[in-house]
Amino acid sequence: MTRLELIARLSAQNPHLYRRDAKAAVDAILETITAALARGDRVELRGFGTFTAKRRPARSSRNPRTGKAVVVPEKARLAFKPSKDMYPRLNGPAPAQ
């Protein structure tokens, strides 16, 4: 689902909302989540999952074409851990043991 599809579905499910209001709401939520992750905060959406920004430290590597040593700077990567409630919604109930 793309951002525009999310906006369309939100405005369809809430006929009292104009499409521009649904767009503003979705943009505000995504911007808030992005800003929190950029600050290094953890974002937890109950019943959905947890987003965290993990740091990958700087390292040295090699250019595969030339074999020359290259320094790769520190990077942040996004990690998502789904909640316990998400698995049954996606996969159905757990098999009986």
N, C-alpha and C. Protein backbone atom coordinates (compact mmCIF):
# COMPACT_ATOMS: atom_id res chain seq x y z
N MET A 1 0.85 -1.17 0.00
CA MET A 1 0.00 0.00 0.00
C MET A 1 0.89 1.23 0.00
N THR A 2 0.62 2.15 -0.89
CA THR A 2 1.39 3.37 -0.96
C THR A 2 0.76 4.44 -0.08
N ARG A 3 1.46 5.53 0.09
CA ARG A 3 0.96 6.65 0.89
C ARG A 3 -0.35 7.18 0.32
N LEU A 4 -0.43 7.31 -0.99
CA LEU A 4 -1.66 7.82 -1.62
C LEU A 4 -2.82 6.84 -1.45
N GLU A 5 -2.54 5.54 -1.51
CA GLU A 5 -3.60 4.55 -1.28
C GLU A 5 -4.09 4.61 0.16
N LEU A 6 -3.17 4.84 1.09
CA LEU A 6 -3.55 4.98 2.49
C LEU A 6 -4.44 6.20 2.70
N ILE A 7 -4.10 7.30 2.07
CA ILE A 7 -4.91 8.52 2.15
C ILE A 7 -6.29 8.28 1.55
N ALA A 8 -6.35 7.61 0.41
CA ALA A 8 -7.63 7.33 -0.25
C ALA A 8 -8.50 6.44 0.62
N ARG A 9 -7.91 5.41 1.22
CA ARG A 9 -8.68 4.50 2.07
C ARG A 9 -9.16 5.20 3.33
N LEU A 10 -8.32 6.04 3.90
CA LEU A 10 -8.70 6.79 5.10
C LEU A 10 -9.86 7.74 4.82
N SER A 11 -9.81 8.43 3.70
CA SER A 11 -10.90 9.35 3.35
C SER A 11 -12.16 8.59 2.96
N ALA A 12 -12.03 7.39 2.39
CA ALA A 12 -13.21 6.59 2.04
C ALA A 12 -13.89 6.03 3.28
N GLN A 13 -13.10 5.63 4.28
CA GLN A 13 -13.67 5.08 5.51
C GLN A 13 -14.26 6.16 6.42
N ASN A 14 -13.85 7.40 6.22
CA ASN A 14 -14.33 8.52 7.01
C ASN A 14 -14.90 9.58 6.08
N PRO A 15 -16.15 9.44 5.66
CA PRO A 15 -16.70 10.35 4.66
C PRO A 15 -16.79 11.81 5.15
N HIS A 16 -16.74 12.03 6.45
CA HIS A 16 -16.78 13.39 6.96
C HIS A 16 -15.44 14.11 6.80
N LEU A 17 -14.37 13.37 6.45
CA LEU A 17 -13.06 13.97 6.23
C LEU A 17 -12.86 14.28 4.75
N TYR A 18 -12.38 15.46 4.49
CA TYR A 18 -11.97 15.78 3.13
C TYR A 18 -10.66 15.06 2.84
N ARG A 19 -10.41 14.82 1.57
CA ARG A 19 -9.16 14.14 1.18
C ARG A 19 -7.94 14.93 1.64
N ARG A 20 -8.00 16.25 1.58
CA ARG A 20 -6.85 17.08 1.99
C ARG A 20 -6.61 16.95 3.49
N ASP A 21 -7.70 16.75 4.28
CA ASP A 21 -7.53 16.56 5.72
C ASP A 21 -6.92 15.20 6.03
N ALA A 22 -7.33 14.18 5.29
CA ALA A 22 -6.74 12.85 5.45
C ALA A 22 -5.26 12.88 5.07
N LYS A 23 -4.92 13.61 4.01
CA LYS A 23 -3.52 13.75 3.59
C LYS A 23 -2.71 14.44 4.68
N ALA A 24 -3.27 15.50 5.26
CA ALA A 24 -2.57 16.23 6.32
C ALA A 24 -2.34 15.33 7.54
N ALA A 25 -3.33 14.50 7.87
CA ALA A 25 -3.20 13.60 9.02
C ALA A 25 -2.11 12.55 8.77
N VAL A 26 -2.13 11.93 7.60
CA VAL A 26 -1.13 10.91 7.28
C VAL A 26 0.27 11.53 7.24
N ASP A 27 0.40 12.69 6.62
CA ASP A 27 1.70 13.36 6.55
C ASP A 27 2.21 13.73 7.94
N ALA A 28 1.32 14.19 8.82
CA ALA A 28 1.71 14.56 10.18
C ALA A 28 2.19 13.35 10.96
N ILE A 29 1.50 12.23 10.82
CA ILE A 29 1.90 11.02 11.52
C ILE A 29 3.26 10.53 11.03
N LEU A 30 3.44 10.48 9.72
CA LEU A 30 4.71 10.00 9.17
C LEU A 30 5.86 10.93 9.52
N GLU A 31 5.62 12.22 9.50
CA GLU A 31 6.67 13.19 9.85
C GLU A 31 7.05 13.07 11.33
N THR A 32 6.06 12.85 12.19
CA THR A 32 6.34 12.69 13.62
C THR A 32 7.14 11.43 13.88
N ILE A 33 6.80 10.34 13.23
CA ILE A 33 7.54 9.09 13.39
C ILE A 33 8.98 9.26 12.88
N THR A 34 9.14 9.90 11.73
CA THR A 34 10.46 10.12 11.16
C THR A 34 11.32 10.99 12.07
N ALA A 35 10.74 12.06 12.60
CA ALA A 35 11.49 12.95 13.50
C ALA A 35 11.90 12.23 14.78
N ALA A 36 11.03 11.40 15.32
CA ALA A 36 11.36 10.65 16.53
C ALA A 36 12.51 9.68 16.27
N LEU A 37 12.48 8.99 15.14
CA LEU A 37 13.56 8.06 14.81
C LEU A 37 14.87 8.80 14.56
N ALA A 38 14.80 9.98 13.96
CA ALA A 38 16.01 10.77 13.71
C ALA A 38 16.64 11.23 15.03
N ARG A 39 15.82 11.45 16.05
CA ARG A 39 16.33 11.83 17.38
C ARG A 39 16.90 10.64 18.13
N GLY A 40 16.63 9.44 17.63
CA GLY A 40 17.10 8.23 18.29
C GLY A 40 16.06 7.62 19.21
N ASP A 41 14.84 8.13 19.17
CA ASP A 41 13.76 7.59 19.99
C ASP A 41 13.23 6.30 19.38
N ARG A 42 12.51 5.57 20.19
CA ARG A 42 11.85 4.34 19.76
C ARG A 42 10.38 4.67 19.57
N VAL A 43 9.78 4.18 18.49
CA VAL A 43 8.36 4.44 18.21
C VAL A 43 7.61 3.13 18.33
N GLU A 44 6.68 3.08 19.28
CA GLU A 44 5.90 1.87 19.51
C GLU A 44 4.44 2.15 19.21
N LEU A 45 3.89 1.38 18.28
CA LEU A 45 2.47 1.46 17.95
C LEU A 45 1.83 0.17 18.45
N ARG A 46 1.11 0.26 19.55
CA ARG A 46 0.52 -0.92 20.18
C ARG A 46 -0.35 -1.68 19.20
N GLY A 47 -0.19 -2.98 19.17
CA GLY A 47 -0.95 -3.83 18.26
C GLY A 47 -0.39 -3.87 16.85
N PHE A 48 0.64 -3.08 16.57
CA PHE A 48 1.25 -3.06 15.24
C PHE A 48 2.71 -3.46 15.29
N GLY A 49 3.52 -2.70 16.03
CA GLY A 49 4.93 -3.03 16.13
C GLY A 49 5.76 -1.87 16.63
N THR A 50 7.07 -2.08 16.66
CA THR A 50 8.01 -1.09 17.17
C THR A 50 9.05 -0.76 16.11
N PHE A 51 9.27 0.53 15.89
CA PHE A 51 10.31 1.01 14.99
C PHE A 51 11.47 1.53 15.83
N THR A 52 12.69 1.17 15.46
CA THR A 52 13.88 1.71 16.09
C THR A 52 14.91 2.02 15.02
N ALA A 53 15.76 2.99 15.30
CA ALA A 53 16.88 3.31 14.41
C ALA A 53 18.13 2.74 15.05
N LYS A 54 18.76 1.80 14.38
CA LYS A 54 19.98 1.18 14.90
C LYS A 54 21.16 1.74 14.14
N ARG A 55 22.24 1.96 14.85
CA ARG A 55 23.46 2.51 14.25
C ARG A 55 24.36 1.38 13.78
N ARG A 56 24.85 1.53 12.57
CA ARG A 56 25.85 0.61 12.03
C ARG A 56 27.18 1.37 12.10
N PRO A 57 28.15 0.88 12.86
CA PRO A 57 29.39 1.64 13.06
C PRO A 57 30.21 1.78 11.77
N ALA A 58 31.10 2.76 11.78
CA ALA A 58 32.00 2.96 10.65
C ALA A 58 32.92 1.75 10.54
N ARG A 59 33.31 1.44 9.31
CA ARG A 59 34.18 0.28 9.09
C ARG A 59 35.03 0.52 7.86
N SER A 60 36.04 -0.31 7.72
CA SER A 60 36.84 -0.24 6.50
C SER A 60 36.44 -1.40 5.60
N SER A 61 36.47 -1.15 4.31
CA SER A 61 36.07 -2.14 3.33
C SER A 61 36.99 -2.03 2.13
N ARG A 62 36.72 -2.81 1.11
CA ARG A 62 37.53 -2.75 -0.11
C ARG A 62 36.64 -2.51 -1.31
N ASN A 63 37.13 -1.71 -2.24
CA ASN A 63 36.46 -1.50 -3.50
C ASN A 63 36.64 -2.78 -4.31
N PRO A 64 35.56 -3.46 -4.71
CA PRO A 64 35.73 -4.74 -5.41
C PRO A 64 36.39 -4.61 -6.77
N ARG A 65 36.27 -3.45 -7.39
CA ARG A 65 36.86 -3.27 -8.72
C ARG A 65 38.36 -3.04 -8.65
N THR A 66 38.80 -2.18 -7.71
CA THR A 66 40.21 -1.83 -7.65
C THR A 66 40.96 -2.52 -6.53
N GLY A 67 40.25 -3.01 -5.50
CA GLY A 67 40.91 -3.62 -4.36
C GLY A 67 41.43 -2.61 -3.37
N LYS A 68 41.17 -1.32 -3.62
CA LYS A 68 41.65 -0.25 -2.76
C LYS A 68 40.80 -0.18 -1.49
N ALA A 69 41.45 0.09 -0.34
CA ALA A 69 40.74 0.20 0.94
C ALA A 69 39.87 1.46 0.93
N VAL A 70 38.65 1.32 1.45
CA VAL A 70 37.69 2.41 1.50
C VAL A 70 37.09 2.45 2.90
N VAL A 71 36.89 3.65 3.43
CA VAL A 71 36.26 3.80 4.73
C VAL A 71 34.77 4.03 4.51
N VAL A 72 33.95 3.17 5.13
CA VAL A 72 32.49 3.30 5.05
C VAL A 72 32.05 4.02 6.32
N PRO A 73 31.37 5.18 6.19
CA PRO A 73 31.00 5.93 7.39
C PRO A 73 29.88 5.26 8.18
N GLU A 74 29.69 5.73 9.42
CA GLU A 74 28.60 5.23 10.26
C GLU A 74 27.27 5.53 9.60
N LYS A 75 26.33 4.59 9.71
CA LYS A 75 25.02 4.75 9.11
C LYS A 75 23.95 4.34 10.11
N ALA A 76 22.76 4.86 9.91
CA ALA A 76 21.61 4.42 10.69
C ALA A 76 20.75 3.55 9.79
N ARG A 77 20.18 2.51 10.37
CA ARG A 77 19.25 1.68 9.61
C ARG A 77 17.99 1.50 10.43
N LEU A 78 16.90 1.33 9.76
CA LEU A 78 15.60 1.19 10.39
C LEU A 78 15.35 -0.27 10.71
N ALA A 79 14.87 -0.52 11.93
CA ALA A 79 14.51 -1.87 12.33
C ALA A 79 13.04 -1.85 12.75
N PHE A 80 12.31 -2.88 12.36
CA PHE A 80 10.90 -3.01 12.73
C PHE A 80 10.67 -4.36 13.35
N LYS A 81 10.03 -4.37 14.51
CA LYS A 81 9.67 -5.62 15.16
C LYS A 81 8.16 -5.65 15.31
N PRO A 82 7.48 -6.57 14.65
CA PRO A 82 6.03 -6.62 14.75
C PRO A 82 5.58 -7.06 16.14
N SER A 83 4.39 -6.62 16.53
CA SER A 83 3.87 -6.97 17.85
C SER A 83 3.38 -8.41 17.85
N LYS A 84 3.13 -8.93 19.06
CA LYS A 84 2.63 -10.29 19.18
C LYS A 84 1.25 -10.43 18.56
N ASP A 85 0.48 -9.35 18.53
CA ASP A 85 -0.85 -9.38 17.94
C ASP A 85 -0.82 -9.41 16.42
N MET A 86 0.29 -8.99 15.82
CA MET A 86 0.37 -8.90 14.37
C MET A 86 0.44 -10.27 13.71
N TYR A 87 1.16 -11.22 14.30
CA TYR A 87 1.33 -12.53 13.68
C TYR A 87 0.01 -13.25 13.44
N PRO A 88 -0.89 -13.36 14.44
CA PRO A 88 -2.17 -14.04 14.17
C PRO A 88 -3.01 -13.31 13.12
N ARG A 89 -2.90 -12.00 13.06
CA ARG A 89 -3.67 -11.25 12.05
C ARG A 89 -3.15 -11.56 10.65
N LEU A 90 -1.87 -11.81 10.53
CA LEU A 90 -1.28 -12.09 9.22
C LEU A 90 -1.37 -13.56 8.84
N ASN A 91 -1.13 -14.43 9.81
CA ASN A 91 -0.98 -15.85 9.53
C ASN A 91 -2.11 -16.73 10.05
N GLY A 92 -3.08 -16.17 10.71
CA GLY A 92 -4.14 -16.98 11.31
C GLY A 92 -3.69 -17.49 12.67
N PRO A 93 -4.53 -18.24 13.33
CA PRO A 93 -4.17 -18.74 14.66
C PRO A 93 -3.00 -19.72 14.60
N ALA A 94 -2.28 -19.79 15.70
CA ALA A 94 -1.13 -20.70 15.77
C ALA A 94 -1.62 -22.14 15.74
N PRO A 95 -0.87 -23.06 15.12
CA PRO A 95 -1.30 -24.46 15.07
C PRO A 95 -1.29 -25.07 16.48
N ALA A 96 -2.24 -25.96 16.73
CA ALA A 96 -2.32 -26.64 18.02
C ALA A 96 -1.16 -27.62 18.16
N GLN A 97 -0.65 -27.73 19.38
CA GLN A 97 0.50 -28.63 19.58
C GLN A 97 0.10 -29.84 20.35
